[in-house]
C-alpha atoms as a PDB file:
ATOM      1  CA  MET A   1     -42.469  39.327  40.443  1.00  0.00           C
ATOM      2  CA  ARG A   2     -44.965  36.555  41.072  1.00  0.00           C
ATOM      3  CA  ALA A   3     -43.899  35.980  44.707  1.00  0.00           C
ATOM      4  CA  ASP A   4     -44.666  39.561  45.160  1.00  0.00           C
ATOM      5  CA  GLY A   5     -48.039  39.254  43.914  1.00  0.00           C
ATOM      6  CA  HIS A   6     -47.945  40.137  40.528  1.00  0.00           C
ATOM      7  CA  GLU A   7     -49.626  38.109  37.532  1.00  0.00           C
ATOM      8  CA  VAL A   8     -47.068  37.165  34.714  1.00  0.00           C
ATOM      9  CA  LEU A   9     -48.184  36.399  31.492  1.00  0.00           C
ATOM     10  CA  PHE A  10     -45.644  35.126  28.671  1.00  0.00           C
ATOM     11  CA  VAL A  11     -45.150  35.467  24.891  1.00  0.00           C
ATOM     12  CA  GLY A  12     -43.061  33.613  22.663  1.00  0.00           C
ATOM     13  CA  THR A  13     -42.848  31.441  19.847  1.00  0.00           C
ATOM     14  CA  PRO A  14     -45.035  28.198  19.643  1.00  0.00           C
ATOM     15  CA  ASN A  15     -41.912  25.734  18.760  1.00  0.00           C
ATOM     16  CA  GLY A  16     -38.877  27.795  20.817  1.00  0.00           C
ATOM     17  CA  PRO A  17     -37.496  26.329  24.251  1.00  0.00           C
ATOM     18  CA  GLU A  18     -39.506  29.487  26.223  1.00  0.00           C
ATOM     19  CA  ALA A  19     -43.069  27.545  25.672  1.00  0.00           C
ATOM     20  CA  ARG A  20     -41.732  24.453  27.517  1.00  0.00           C
ATOM     21  CA  LEU A  21     -39.398  26.410  29.867  1.00  0.00           C
ATOM     22  CA  ALA A  22     -42.282  28.991  30.798  1.00  0.00           C
ATOM     23  CA  ARG A  23     -44.796  26.096  31.044  1.00  0.00           C
ATOM     24  CA  GLU A  24     -43.164  24.106  33.754  1.00  0.00           C
ATOM     25  CA  ALA A  25     -42.152  27.729  35.333  1.00  0.00           C
ATOM     26  CA  GLY A  26     -46.056  27.616  35.359  1.00  0.00           C
ATOM     27  CA  LEU A  27     -46.730  31.040  33.579  1.00  0.00           C
ATOM     28  CA  VAL A  28     -49.828  31.819  30.954  1.00  0.00           C
ATOM     29  CA  PHE A  29     -47.944  31.009  27.968  1.00  0.00           C
ATOM     30  CA  HIS A  30     -49.078  32.571  24.814  1.00  0.00           C
ATOM     31  CA  PRO A  31     -47.647  31.535  21.482  1.00  0.00           C
ATOM     32  CA  MET A  32     -46.987  34.076  19.181  1.00  0.00           C
ATOM     33  CA  PRO A  33     -44.986  33.236  15.311  1.00  0.00           C
ATOM     34  CA  ALA A  34     -42.295  35.273  14.271  1.00  0.00           C
ATOM     35  CA  ARG A  35     -39.419  34.207  12.286  1.00  0.00           C
ATOM     36  CA  GLY A  36     -35.772  35.624  11.210  1.00  0.00           C
ATOM     37  CA  PHE A  37     -34.763  35.973   7.767  1.00  0.00           C
ATOM     38  CA  ASP A  38     -31.596  35.541   5.490  1.00  0.00           C
ATOM     39  CA  ARG A  39     -29.781  38.954   4.180  1.00  0.00           C
ATOM     40  CA  SER A  40     -29.097  37.587   1.224  1.00  0.00           C
ATOM     41  CA  LYS A  41     -32.382  35.790   0.812  1.00  0.00           C
ATOM     42  CA  PRO A  42     -35.105  38.776  -0.468  1.00  0.00           C
ATOM     43  CA  LEU A  43     -37.760  36.173  -0.184  1.00  0.00           C
ATOM     44  CA  SER A  44     -37.070  35.200   3.101  1.00  0.00           C
ATOM     45  CA  LEU A  45     -37.261  38.704   4.474  1.00  0.00           C
ATOM     46  CA  LEU A  46     -40.625  39.319   2.637  1.00  0.00           C
ATOM     47  CA  ARG A  47     -41.600  36.168   3.799  1.00  0.00           C
ATOM     48  CA  ALA A  48     -40.361  37.480   7.553  1.00  0.00           C
ATOM     49  CA  ILE A  49     -42.155  40.615   7.676  1.00  0.00           C
ATOM     50  CA  GLY A  50     -45.247  39.141   6.731  1.00  0.00           C
ATOM     51  CA  GLN A  51     -45.196  36.922   9.658  1.00  0.00           C
ATOM     52  CA  LEU A  52     -44.336  39.925  11.967  1.00  0.00           C
ATOM     53  CA  SER A  53     -46.556  41.776  10.582  1.00  0.00           C
ATOM     54  CA  ALA A  54     -49.447  39.395  11.191  1.00  0.00           C
ATOM     55  CA  SER A  55     -48.421  38.645  14.793  1.00  0.00           C
ATOM     56  CA  ALA A  56     -48.018  42.475  15.519  1.00  0.00           C
ATOM     57  CA  LEU A  57     -51.993  42.401  14.699  1.00  0.00           C
ATOM     58  CA  ARG A  58     -52.564  39.545  16.475  1.00  0.00           C
ATOM     59  CA  THR A  59     -50.414  40.614  19.782  1.00  0.00           C
ATOM     60  CA  TRP A  60     -52.404  44.239  19.679  1.00  0.00           C
ATOM     61  CA  PHE A  61     -55.734  42.200  20.092  1.00  0.00           C
ATOM     62  CA  LEU A  62     -54.063  40.073  22.257  1.00  0.00           C
ATOM     63  CA  LEU A  63     -52.787  43.006  24.382  1.00  0.00           C
ATOM     64  CA  GLY A  64     -56.264  44.515  24.334  1.00  0.00           C
ATOM     65  CA  ARG A  65     -57.931  41.927  25.990  1.00  0.00           C
ATOM     66  CA  LEU A  66     -55.222  41.279  28.652  1.00  0.00           C
ATOM     67  CA  ARG A  67     -54.705  44.899  29.472  1.00  0.00           C
ATOM     68  CA  PRO A  68     -51.641  43.994  31.084  1.00  0.00           C
ATOM     69  CA  HIS A  69     -49.905  47.287  33.076  1.00  0.00           C
ATOM     70  CA  VAL A  70     -46.231  46.917  31.203  1.00  0.00           C
ATOM     71  CA  VAL A  71     -44.644  45.011  28.499  1.00  0.00           C
ATOM     72  CA  ALA A  72     -41.280  43.460  28.993  1.00  0.00           C
ATOM     73  CA  GLY A  73     -39.028  42.268  26.031  1.00  0.00           C
ATOM     74  CA  PHE A  74     -36.156  40.084  25.665  1.00  0.00           C
ATOM     75  CA  GLY A  75     -35.058  40.483  22.627  1.00  0.00           C
ATOM     76  CA  GLY A  76     -35.656  37.742  19.819  1.00  0.00           C
ATOM     77  CA  TYR A  77     -37.681  38.871  16.738  1.00  0.00           C
ATOM     78  CA  VAL A  78     -40.826  38.049  19.192  1.00  0.00           C
ATOM     79  CA  SER A  79     -40.209  40.944  20.485  1.00  0.00           C
ATOM     80  CA  LEU A  80     -40.936  42.898  17.487  1.00  0.00           C
ATOM     81  CA  PRO A  81     -44.423  42.583  16.956  1.00  0.00           C
ATOM     82  CA  VAL A  82     -45.158  42.366  20.899  1.00  0.00           C
ATOM     83  CA  GLY A  83     -43.359  45.166  21.441  1.00  0.00           C
ATOM     84  CA  ALA A  84     -44.933  47.364  18.291  1.00  0.00           C
ATOM     85  CA  ALA A  85     -48.332  46.547  19.438  1.00  0.00           C
ATOM     86  CA  ALA A  86     -47.537  47.506  23.336  1.00  0.00           C
ATOM     87  CA  PHE A  87     -46.568  50.860  21.305  1.00  0.00           C
ATOM     88  CA  ALA A  88     -49.396  51.392  19.826  1.00  0.00           C
ATOM     89  CA  ARG A  89     -51.650  50.018  22.819  1.00  0.00           C
ATOM     90  CA  ARG A  90     -49.984  52.996  25.024  1.00  0.00           C
ATOM     91  CA  ILE A  91     -48.601  50.267  27.381  1.00  0.00           C
ATOM     92  CA  PRO A  92     -45.098  50.965  28.683  1.00  0.00           C
ATOM     93  CA  LEU A  93     -42.624  48.552  27.072  1.00  0.00           C
ATOM     94  CA  VAL A  94     -39.372  47.525  28.839  1.00  0.00           C
ATOM     95  CA  LEU A  95     -36.497  45.885  27.045  1.00  0.00           C
ATOM     96  CA  HIS A  96     -33.469  44.070  28.865  1.00  0.00           C
ATOM     97  CA  GLU A  97     -30.014  43.632  26.141  1.00  0.00           C
ATOM     98  CA  GLN A  98     -28.199  40.827  28.132  1.00  0.00           C
ATOM     99  CA  ASN A  99     -25.434  41.181  25.113  1.00  0.00           C
ATOM    100  CA  SER A 100     -22.830  43.745  25.027  1.00  0.00           C
ATOM    101  CA  VAL A 101     -23.836  44.345  21.651  1.00  0.00           C
ATOM    102  CA  PRO A 102     -27.751  45.475  21.624  1.00  0.00           C
ATOM    103  CA  GLY A 103     -29.629  42.842  18.714  1.00  0.00           C
ATOM    104  CA  MET A 104     -31.408  44.215  16.066  1.00  0.00           C
ATOM    105  CA  ALA A 105     -34.914  43.979  17.617  1.00  0.00           C
ATOM    106  CA  ASN A 106     -33.778  45.601  20.888  1.00  0.00           C
ATOM    107  CA  ARG A 107     -31.762  48.941  18.694  1.00  0.00           C
ATOM    108  CA  VAL A 108     -35.538  49.186  16.755  1.00  0.00           C
ATOM    109  CA  LEU A 109     -37.678  49.245  20.139  1.00  0.00           C
ATOM    110  CA  SER A 110     -35.636  51.523  22.105  1.00  0.00           C
ATOM    111  CA  ARG A 111     -37.517  54.109  20.488  1.00  0.00           C
ATOM    112  CA  TRP A 112     -40.465  53.565  21.969  1.00  0.00           C
ATOM    113  CA  ALA A 113     -39.158  51.792  25.191  1.00  0.00           C
ATOM    114  CA  CYS A 114     -39.645  53.464  28.548  1.00  0.00           C
ATOM    115  CA  ALA A 115     -36.289  51.932  29.659  1.00  0.00           C
ATOM    116  CA  VAL A 116     -33.842  49.489  28.672  1.00  0.00           C
ATOM    117  CA  GLY A 117     -32.006  47.335  30.912  1.00  0.00           C
ATOM    118  CA  VAL A 118     -28.552  46.245  30.331  1.00  0.00           C
ATOM    119  CA  THR A 119     -26.123  43.301  31.257  1.00  0.00           C
ATOM    120  CA  TYR A 120     -23.207  46.127  29.760  1.00  0.00           C
ATOM    121  CA  GLU A 121     -22.742  49.652  30.244  1.00  0.00           C
ATOM    122  CA  ASP A 122     -20.947  50.008  26.672  1.00  0.00           C
ATOM    123  CA  SER A 123     -24.318  48.284  25.500  1.00  0.00           C
ATOM    124  CA  ALA A 124     -26.100  52.138  25.989  1.00  0.00           C
ATOM    125  CA  LYS A 125     -23.416  53.816  23.242  1.00  0.00           C
ATOM    126  CA  ARG A 126     -25.498  51.443  20.303  1.00  0.00           C
ATOM    127  CA  LEU A 127     -28.676  51.947  21.208  1.00  0.00           C
ATOM    128  CA  ARG A 128     -31.147  55.051  20.502  1.00  0.00           C
ATOM    129  CA  PRO A 129     -30.073  58.395  22.041  1.00  0.00           C
ATOM    130  CA  GLY A 130     -31.800  59.782  24.745  1.00  0.00           C
ATOM    131  CA  THR A 131     -32.676  55.910  25.402  1.00  0.00           C
ATOM    132  CA  ARG A 132     -33.296  55.786  29.585  1.00  0.00           C
ATOM    133  CA  VAL A 133     -30.453  52.971  29.884  1.00  0.00           C
ATOM    134  CA  GLU A 134     -29.902  51.401  33.335  1.00  0.00           C
ATOM    135  CA  LEU A 135     -27.622  48.417  34.527  1.00  0.00           C
ATOM    136  CA  THR A 136     -29.395  45.801  35.993  1.00  0.00           C
ATOM    137  CA  GLY A 137     -27.002  43.102  35.055  1.00  0.00           C
ATOM    138  CA  ASN A 138     -27.959  39.415  33.322  1.00  0.00           C
ATOM    139  CA  PRO A 139     -31.067  37.496  35.851  1.00  0.00           C
ATOM    140  CA  VAL A 140     -29.765  34.474  36.536  1.00  0.00           C
ATOM    141  CA  ARG A 141     -31.653  30.912  37.955  1.00  0.00           C
ATOM    142  CA  GLU A 142     -32.364  31.117  41.801  1.00  0.00           C
ATOM    143  CA  SER A 143     -30.105  27.165  41.521  1.00  0.00           C
ATOM    144  CA  ILE A 144     -27.042  29.500  40.452  1.00  0.00           C
ATOM    145  CA  LEU A 145     -27.433  31.633  43.380  1.00  0.00           C
ATOM    146  CA  ARG A 146     -27.994  28.983  45.710  1.00  0.00           C
ATOM    147  CA  ALA A 147     -25.420  26.523  44.592  1.00  0.00           C
ATOM    148  CA  GLU A 148     -22.148  25.694  46.794  1.00  0.00           C
ATOM    149  CA  ARG A 149     -19.047  24.504  46.213  1.00  0.00           C
ATOM    150  CA  ALA A 150     -18.917  21.597  49.097  1.00  0.00           C
ATOM    151  CA  ARG A 151     -22.526  20.881  47.762  1.00  0.00           C
ATOM    152  CA  GLY A 152     -21.658  20.513  44.011  1.00  0.00           C
ATOM    153  CA  ARG A 153     -18.862  18.384  44.570  1.00  0.00           C
ATOM    154  CA  ASP A 154     -20.917  15.705  46.301  1.00  0.00           C
ATOM    155  CA  LEU A 155     -23.570  15.630  43.943  1.00  0.00           C
ATOM    156  CA  LEU A 156     -21.306  15.173  41.186  1.00  0.00           C
ATOM    157  CA  ASP A 157     -18.538  12.916  43.278  1.00  0.00           C
ATOM    158  CA  LEU A 158     -15.687  14.916  43.197  1.00  0.00           C
ATOM    159  CA  PRO A 159     -13.337  14.833  45.457  1.00  0.00           C
ATOM    160  CA  ALA A 160     -12.912  17.607  47.936  1.00  0.00           C
ATOM    161  CA  ASP A 161      -9.135  18.381  47.352  1.00  0.00           C
ATOM    162  CA  ALA A 162      -9.084  17.877  43.364  1.00  0.00           C
ATOM    163  CA  VAL A 163      -8.362  20.512  40.935  1.00  0.00           C
ATOM    164  CA  VAL A 164     -11.459  20.602  39.112  1.00  0.00           C
ATOM    165  CA  MET A 165     -12.203  22.188  35.361  1.00  0.00           C
ATOM    166  CA  LEU A 166     -15.803  22.488  34.163  1.00  0.00           C
ATOM    167  CA  VAL A 167     -15.652  22.915  29.788  1.00  0.00           C
ATOM    168  CA  PHE A 168     -19.298  23.736  28.298  1.00  0.00           C
ATOM    169  CA  GLY A 169     -19.766  24.841  24.861  1.00  0.00           C
ATOM    170  CA  GLY A 170     -22.909  26.278  25.232  1.00  0.00           C
ATOM    171  CA  SER A 171     -25.761  25.682  23.246  1.00  0.00           C
ATOM    172  CA  ARG A 172     -23.980  26.142  19.575  1.00  0.00           C
ATOM    173  CA  GLY A 173     -20.321  25.670  18.587  1.00  0.00           C
ATOM    174  CA  ALA A 174     -18.872  23.572  21.280  1.00  0.00           C
ATOM    175  CA  ARG A 175     -17.445  20.753  18.949  1.00  0.00           C
ATOM    176  CA  HIS A 176     -14.038  22.833  18.409  1.00  0.00           C
ATOM    177  CA  ILE A 177     -14.044  23.448  22.281  1.00  0.00           C
ATOM    178  CA  ASN A 178     -14.865  19.777  22.863  1.00  0.00           C
ATOM    179  CA  GLU A 179     -12.165  18.415  20.330  1.00  0.00           C
ATOM    180  CA  ALA A 180      -9.306  21.362  21.981  1.00  0.00           C
ATOM    181  CA  VAL A 181      -9.891  19.831  25.333  1.00  0.00           C
ATOM    182  CA  VAL A 182      -9.748  16.395  24.946  1.00  0.00           C
ATOM    183  CA  GLY A 183      -6.597  17.108  22.855  1.00  0.00           C
ATOM    184  CA  LEU A 184      -5.148  18.498  25.579  1.00  0.00           C
ATOM    185  CA  ARG A 185      -6.287  15.222  27.818  1.00  0.00           C
ATOM    186  CA  GLY A 186      -1.862  14.300  28.056  1.00  0.00           C
ATOM    187  CA  ARG A 187      -1.732  17.251  30.179  1.00  0.00           C
ATOM    188  CA  LEU A 188      -4.308  17.619  32.161  1.00  0.00           C
ATOM    189  CA  LEU A 189      -4.087  14.269  33.542  1.00  0.00           C
ATOM    190  CA  ALA A 190      -0.491  14.609  33.991  1.00  0.00           C
ATOM    191  CA  ASP A 191      -1.567  15.935  37.158  1.00  0.00           C
ATOM    192  CA  GLU A 192      -3.224  13.553  39.492  1.00  0.00           C
ATOM    193  CA  SER A 193      -5.200  15.966  41.546  1.00  0.00           C
ATOM    194  CA  VAL A 194      -7.002  17.394  38.174  1.00  0.00           C
ATOM    195  CA  HIS A 195     -10.242  16.255  37.284  1.00  0.00           C
ATOM    196  CA  VAL A 196     -12.261  17.620  33.604  1.00  0.00           C
ATOM    197  CA  LEU A 197     -15.744  17.582  34.158  1.00  0.00           C
ATOM    198  CA  HIS A 198     -16.617  18.133  30.376  1.00  0.00           C
ATOM    199  CA  LEU A 199     -20.193  18.914  29.493  1.00  0.00           C
ATOM    200  CA  THR A 200     -20.137  17.997  25.470  1.00  0.00           C
ATOM    201  CA  GLY A 201     -23.697  18.521  24.638  1.00  0.00           C
ATOM    202  CA  ARG A 202     -25.968  15.842  23.508  1.00  0.00           C
ATOM    203  CA  ASP A 203     -24.807  15.766  19.721  1.00  0.00           C
ATOM    204  CA  GLU A 204     -21.198  15.396  20.615  1.00  0.00           C
ATOM    205  CA  ALA A 205     -20.621  13.070  23.611  1.00  0.00           C
ATOM    206  CA  ALA A 206     -20.215   9.743  22.062  1.00  0.00           C
ATOM    207  CA  ALA A 207     -17.673  11.452  19.633  1.00  0.00           C
ATOM    208  CA  VAL A 208     -16.211  13.001  22.540  1.00  0.00           C
ATOM    209  CA  SER A 209     -15.755   9.301  24.346  1.00  0.00           C
ATOM    210  CA  GLU A 210     -14.206   7.940  21.400  1.00  0.00           C
ATOM    211  CA  GLN A 211     -11.851  10.905  20.990  1.00  0.00           C
ATOM    212  CA  LEU A 212     -11.069  10.162  24.569  1.00  0.00           C
ATOM    213  CA  VAL A 213     -10.492   6.091  24.146  1.00  0.00           C
ATOM    214  CA  ARG A 214      -8.273   7.261  21.401  1.00  0.00           C
ATOM    215  CA  ALA A 215      -6.636   9.683  23.520  1.00  0.00           C
ATOM    216  CA  GLY A 216      -5.593   7.171  26.352  1.00  0.00           C
ATOM    217  CA  GLY A 217      -9.077   7.260  28.654  1.00  0.00           C
ATOM    218  CA  ASP A 218     -10.686   8.695  31.161  1.00  0.00           C
ATOM    219  CA  GLY A 219      -7.902   7.926  33.942  1.00  0.00           C
ATOM    220  CA  ASP A 220      -9.310   6.346  36.130  1.00  0.00           C
ATOM    221  CA  GLY A 221     -12.444   8.367  35.951  1.00  0.00           C
ATOM    222  CA  ARG A 222     -10.925  11.713  36.300  1.00  0.00           C
ATOM    223  CA  TYR A 223     -11.942  13.101  33.124  1.00  0.00           C
ATOM    224  CA  ARG A 224     -15.569  12.732  32.860  1.00  0.00           C
ATOM    225  CA  VAL A 225     -17.612  13.040  29.532  1.00  0.00           C
ATOM    226  CA  ILE A 226     -21.385  14.517  30.580  1.00  0.00           C
ATOM    227  CA  ASP A 227     -24.263  14.910  27.220  1.00  0.00           C
ATOM    228  CA  TYR A 228     -25.959  17.104  30.099  1.00  0.00           C
ATOM    229  CA  LEU A 229     -26.596  18.427  33.242  1.00  0.00           C
ATOM    230  CA  GLU A 230     -29.559  20.410  34.432  1.00  0.00           C
ATOM    231  CA  ASP A 231     -27.731  21.519  37.508  1.00  0.00           C
ATOM    232  CA  MET A 232     -25.189  24.047  36.171  1.00  0.00           C
ATOM    233  CA  GLY A 233     -25.133  25.760  39.328  1.00  0.00           C
ATOM    234  CA  SER A 234     -23.393  22.942  41.186  1.00  0.00           C
ATOM    235  CA  ALA A 235     -21.098  22.215  38.632  1.00  0.00           C
ATOM    236  CA  ILE A 236     -19.555  25.670  38.130  1.00  0.00           C
ATOM    237  CA  ALA A 237     -19.562  26.497  41.934  1.00  0.00           C
ATOM    238  CA  ALA A 238     -18.013  22.746  42.215  1.00  0.00           C
ATOM    239  CA  ALA A 239     -15.846  24.341  39.530  1.00  0.00           C
ATOM    240  CA  ASP A 240     -11.662  25.867  40.298  1.00  0.00           C
ATOM    241  CA  LEU A 241     -11.648  26.617  36.507  1.00  0.00           C
ATOM    242  CA  VAL A 242     -13.964  27.050  33.610  1.00  0.00           C
ATOM    243  CA  LEU A 243     -13.141  27.008  30.240  1.00  0.00           C
ATOM    244  CA  ALA A 244     -16.680  28.099  28.151  1.00  0.00           C
ATOM    245  CA  ARG A 245     -17.941  29.753  25.262  1.00  0.00           C
ATOM    246  CA  ALA A 246     -18.635  33.871  26.144  1.00  0.00           C
ATOM    247  CA  GLY A 247     -22.817  33.659  26.048  1.00  0.00           C
ATOM    248  CA  ALA A 248     -23.959  36.153  27.968  1.00  0.00           C
ATOM    249  CA  THR A 249     -26.373  33.495  30.266  1.00  0.00           C
ATOM    250  CA  SER A 250     -22.721  31.605  30.407  1.00  0.00           C
ATOM    251  CA  ILE A 251     -20.825  34.539  32.005  1.00  0.00           C
ATOM    252  CA  ALA A 252     -23.692  36.005  34.013  1.00  0.00           C
ATOM    253  CA  GLU A 253     -23.776  32.353  35.892  1.00  0.00           C
ATOM    254  CA  ILE A 254     -19.990  31.765  35.954  1.00  0.00           C
ATOM    255  CA  THR A 255     -19.584  35.743  37.563  1.00  0.00           C
ATOM    256  CA  ALA A 256     -22.301  35.225  39.812  1.00  0.00           C
ATOM    257  CA  ILE A 257     -20.814  32.282  41.310  1.00  0.00           C
ATOM    258  CA  GLY A 258     -17.564  33.908  41.205  1.00  0.00           C
ATOM    259  CA  ARG A 259     -15.173  31.225  39.483  1.00  0.00           C
ATOM    260  CA  ALA A 260     -11.832  32.022  37.016  1.00  0.00           C
ATOM    261  CA  ALA A 261     -12.410  31.397  33.811  1.00  0.00           C
ATOM    262  CA  VAL A 262     -11.187  30.860  30.130  1.00  0.00           C
ATOM    263  CA  LEU A 263     -13.529  32.564  28.081  1.00  0.00           C
ATOM    264  CA  VAL A 264     -13.837  31.255  23.985  1.00  0.00           C
ATOM    265  CA  PRO A 265     -16.324  33.346  22.075  1.00  0.00           C
ATOM    266  CA  TYR A 266     -17.962  31.851  19.251  1.00  0.00           C
ATOM    267  CA  PRO A 267     -16.512  33.546  16.340  1.00  0.00           C
ATOM    268  CA  TYR A 268     -19.522  33.665  14.504  1.00  0.00           C
ATOM    269  CA  ALA A 269     -21.633  35.372  17.041  1.00  0.00           C
ATOM    270  CA  THR A 270     -23.497  38.412  15.450  1.00  0.00           C
ATOM    271  CA  GLU A 271     -21.482  41.548  15.235  1.00  0.00           C
ATOM    272  CA  ASP A 272     -18.997  39.725  17.302  1.00  0.00           C
ATOM    273  CA  HIS A 273     -20.443  40.098  20.698  1.00  0.00           C
ATOM    274  CA  GLN A 274     -19.210  37.454  22.397  1.00  0.00           C
ATOM    275  CA  THR A 275     -15.936  38.686  22.326  1.00  0.00           C
ATOM    276  CA  LEU A 276     -17.105  42.269  23.824  1.00  0.00           C
ATOM    277  CA  ASN A 277     -18.821  40.331  26.165  1.00  0.00           C
ATOM    278  CA  ALA A 278     -15.746  38.285  27.027  1.00  0.00           C
ATOM    279  CA  ARG A 279     -13.311  41.571  27.179  1.00  0.00           C
ATOM    280  CA  ASP A 280     -15.052  43.279  29.435  1.00  0.00           C
ATOM    281  CA  VAL A 281     -14.312  39.762  32.286  1.00  0.00           C
ATOM    282  CA  GLU A 282     -11.080  39.998  30.861  1.00  0.00           C
ATOM    283  CA  ARG A 283     -10.723  43.714  31.692  1.00  0.00           C
ATOM    284  CA  GLY A 284     -12.319  43.051  34.988  1.00  0.00           C
ATOM    285  CA  GLY A 285      -9.540  40.421  35.989  1.00  0.00           C
ATOM    286  CA  GLY A 286     -11.685  37.138  36.030  1.00  0.00           C
ATOM    287  CA  ALA A 287     -11.413  35.308  32.860  1.00  0.00           C
ATOM    288  CA  ILE A 288      -9.102  34.967  30.231  1.00  0.00           C
ATOM    289  CA  LEU A 289      -9.844  35.766  26.633  1.00  0.00           C
ATOM    290  CA  VAL A 290      -8.524  33.047  23.656  1.00  0.00           C
ATOM    291  CA  THR A 291      -9.796  32.861  20.221  1.00  0.00           C
ATOM    292  CA  ASP A 292     -11.315  30.051  18.637  1.00  0.00           C
ATOM    293  CA  ASP A 293      -8.338  29.956  16.070  1.00  0.00           C
ATOM    294  CA  GLU A 294      -6.219  29.721  19.333  1.00  0.00           C
ATOM    295  CA  LEU A 295      -7.468  26.175  20.369  1.00  0.00           C
ATOM    296  CA  ASP A 296      -5.408  24.207  18.724  1.00  0.00           C
ATOM    297  CA  SER A 297      -2.353  26.580  19.719  1.00  0.00           C
ATOM    298  CA  GLU A 298       0.120  26.405  22.605  1.00  0.00           C
ATOM    299  CA  ARG A 299      -0.704  29.527  24.090  1.00  0.00           C
ATOM    300  CA  PHE A 300      -4.753  27.658  24.604  1.00  0.00           C
ATOM    301  CA  ALA A 301      -2.837  24.828  26.372  1.00  0.00           C
ATOM    302  CA  ASP A 302      -0.525  26.422  28.212  1.00  0.00           C
ATOM    303  CA  ALA A 303      -2.649  29.558  29.870  1.00  0.00           C
ATOM    304  CA  VAL A 304      -5.086  26.070  30.928  1.00  0.00           C
ATOM    305  CA  VAL A 305      -2.247  24.255  32.253  1.00  0.00           C
ATOM    306  CA  SER A 306      -0.887  27.013  33.664  1.00  0.00           C
ATOM    307  CA  LEU A 307      -4.218  28.204  35.796  1.00  0.00           C
ATOM    308  CA  LEU A 308      -4.762  24.880  36.981  1.00  0.00           C
ATOM    309  CA  SER A 309      -1.490  24.469  38.794  1.00  0.00           C
ATOM    310  CA  ASP A 310      -1.932  28.135  39.924  1.00  0.00           C
ATOM    311  CA  ILE A 311      -4.363  28.302  42.604  1.00  0.00           C
ATOM    312  CA  GLU A 312      -3.196  31.885  43.711  1.00  0.00           C
ATOM    313  CA  HIS A 313      -3.667  33.240  40.542  1.00  0.00           C
ATOM    314  CA  ARG A 314      -6.932  31.233  40.316  1.00  0.00           C
ATOM    315  CA  GLU A 315      -8.040  32.557  43.741  1.00  0.00           C
ATOM    316  CA  ARG A 316      -7.268  36.145  42.485  1.00  0.00           C
ATOM    317  CA  MET A 317      -9.386  35.830  39.469  1.00  0.00           C
ATOM    318  CA  ALA A 318     -12.644  34.380  41.096  1.00  0.00           C
ATOM    319  CA  GLU A 319     -12.592  36.994  43.050  1.00  0.00           C
ATOM    320  CA  ALA A 320     -12.314  39.750  40.515  1.00  0.00           C
ATOM    321  CA  SER A 321     -15.054  37.190  38.512  1.00  0.00           C
ATOM    322  CA  ARG A 322     -17.347  37.926  41.738  1.00  0.00           C
ATOM    323  CA  ARG A 323     -16.827  41.402  42.062  1.00  0.00           C
ATOM    324  CA  LEU A 324     -17.960  41.353  38.290  1.00  0.00           C
ATOM    325  CA  GLY A 325     -20.946  39.196  38.644  1.00  0.00           C
ATOM    326  CA  ILE A 326     -24.449  41.197  39.579  1.00  0.00           C
ATOM    327  CA  ARG A 327     -26.376  39.037  41.536  1.00  0.00           C
ATOM    328  CA  ASP A 328     -29.487  41.118  42.609  1.00  0.00           C
ATOM    329  CA  ALA A 329     -29.686  41.669  38.946  1.00  0.00           C
ATOM    330  CA  ALA A 330     -33.322  39.885  38.970  1.00  0.00           C
ATOM    331  CA  GLU A 331     -34.666  42.354  41.202  1.00  0.00           C
ATOM    332  CA  ARG A 332     -33.021  45.575  39.601  1.00  0.00           C
ATOM    333  CA  LEU A 333     -35.080  43.969  36.651  1.00  0.00           C
ATOM    334  CA  GLU A 334     -37.842  44.180  38.688  1.00  0.00           C
ATOM    335  CA  ARG A 335     -37.662  47.225  40.272  1.00  0.00           C
ATOM    336  CA  LEU A 336     -37.406  48.706  36.479  1.00  0.00           C
ATOM    337  CA  VAL A 337     -40.399  47.035  34.949  1.00  0.00           C
ATOM    338  CA  LEU A 338     -42.359  48.081  37.900  1.00  0.00           C
ATOM    339  CA  ALA A 339     -41.064  51.762  38.056  1.00  0.00           C
ATOM    340  CA  CYS A 340     -42.316  51.991  34.141  1.00  0.00           C
ATOM    341  CA  ALA A 341     -45.377  50.241  34.885  1.00  0.00           C
ATOM    342  CA  GLY A 342     -46.291  52.556  37.369  1.00  0.00           C
ATOM    343  CA  LYS A 343     -46.129  55.156  34.948  1.00  0.00           C
ATOM    344  CA  MET A 344     -49.587  54.728  32.671  1.00  0.00           C
ATOM    345  CA  ASP A 345     -51.870  56.910  33.039  1.00  0.00           C
ATOM    346  CA  ASP A 346     -55.308  55.620  34.521  1.00  0.00           C
ATOM    347  CA  GLY A 347     -57.118  56.576  31.546  1.00  0.00           C
ATOM    348  CA  ASP A 348     -55.286  54.357  29.324  1.00  0.00           C
ATOM    349  CA  ASP A 349     -57.127  51.602  28.107  1.00  0.00           C
ATOM    350  CA  ALA A 350     -54.694  48.680  28.170  1.00  0.00           C
END
């Protein structure tokens, strides 16, 4: 939106990753406290309500000073005070829901929203009846859209003719995946064309490296353990098969590039939304869904090894993945935001 001359300001929690990311992107950042709660602990609920109420009042004054034409919310607890303040100020509110199951903030705020952009069509069934819902997809970084297979392999020093499996677990719940994949080390490296790029997360890298040594080593460098990689686009583009959790961002990136995938939903995700995310891709032919409790089973091992040896199957899945990907999600969402901004009357104060 800034490229089109629009000013973008960001409101988020002061200690969350958005504070750093917004500033790195050159956005003006306004910190606003917000916290979740544990339903089993009434005191945590009272504290959360108190903080959200105070933040809603602070945001009401902030929006009065900034006078934005539109407010866009992306879920999370901080969206609640910002969205409520936008409604009180009669500022058009646009929401985006990246998961198949809308979070609490978007379900509450949808009653006041001009429109809700969704990644999955089924999300509309779980929003307030009468809500204007548009399929926008989940925006991904420009670096993902620019990623190329050959360049990715050059950057990661991977042979052009190798069969590459990329493994990553996302920000949560990677340990079981890490252990299961290292447990397959012998079967994976039995095929000399196979290379494994295993992104473990910083907390797990040492343990995975030790487990790999106990399992027989890295196979002359064909099994690489990496704690963190900034350029995920190059890693996904370099891969022939991706094994990952089924978070909305991971799926959006995999399908935007178009790669065959084995998706293992995080079993403790709210309302099991990762399973629903993964089923959507599986139905479209772009992935195989394996549950977390199947990671130690022969079904999981056979599925991975079979895909690595079957180029035709992988290519069919990759093509299906590309069809599912919405590469212009950012542009779709921008159009929705601008359309709602245009609804504001000239006489409004915000």
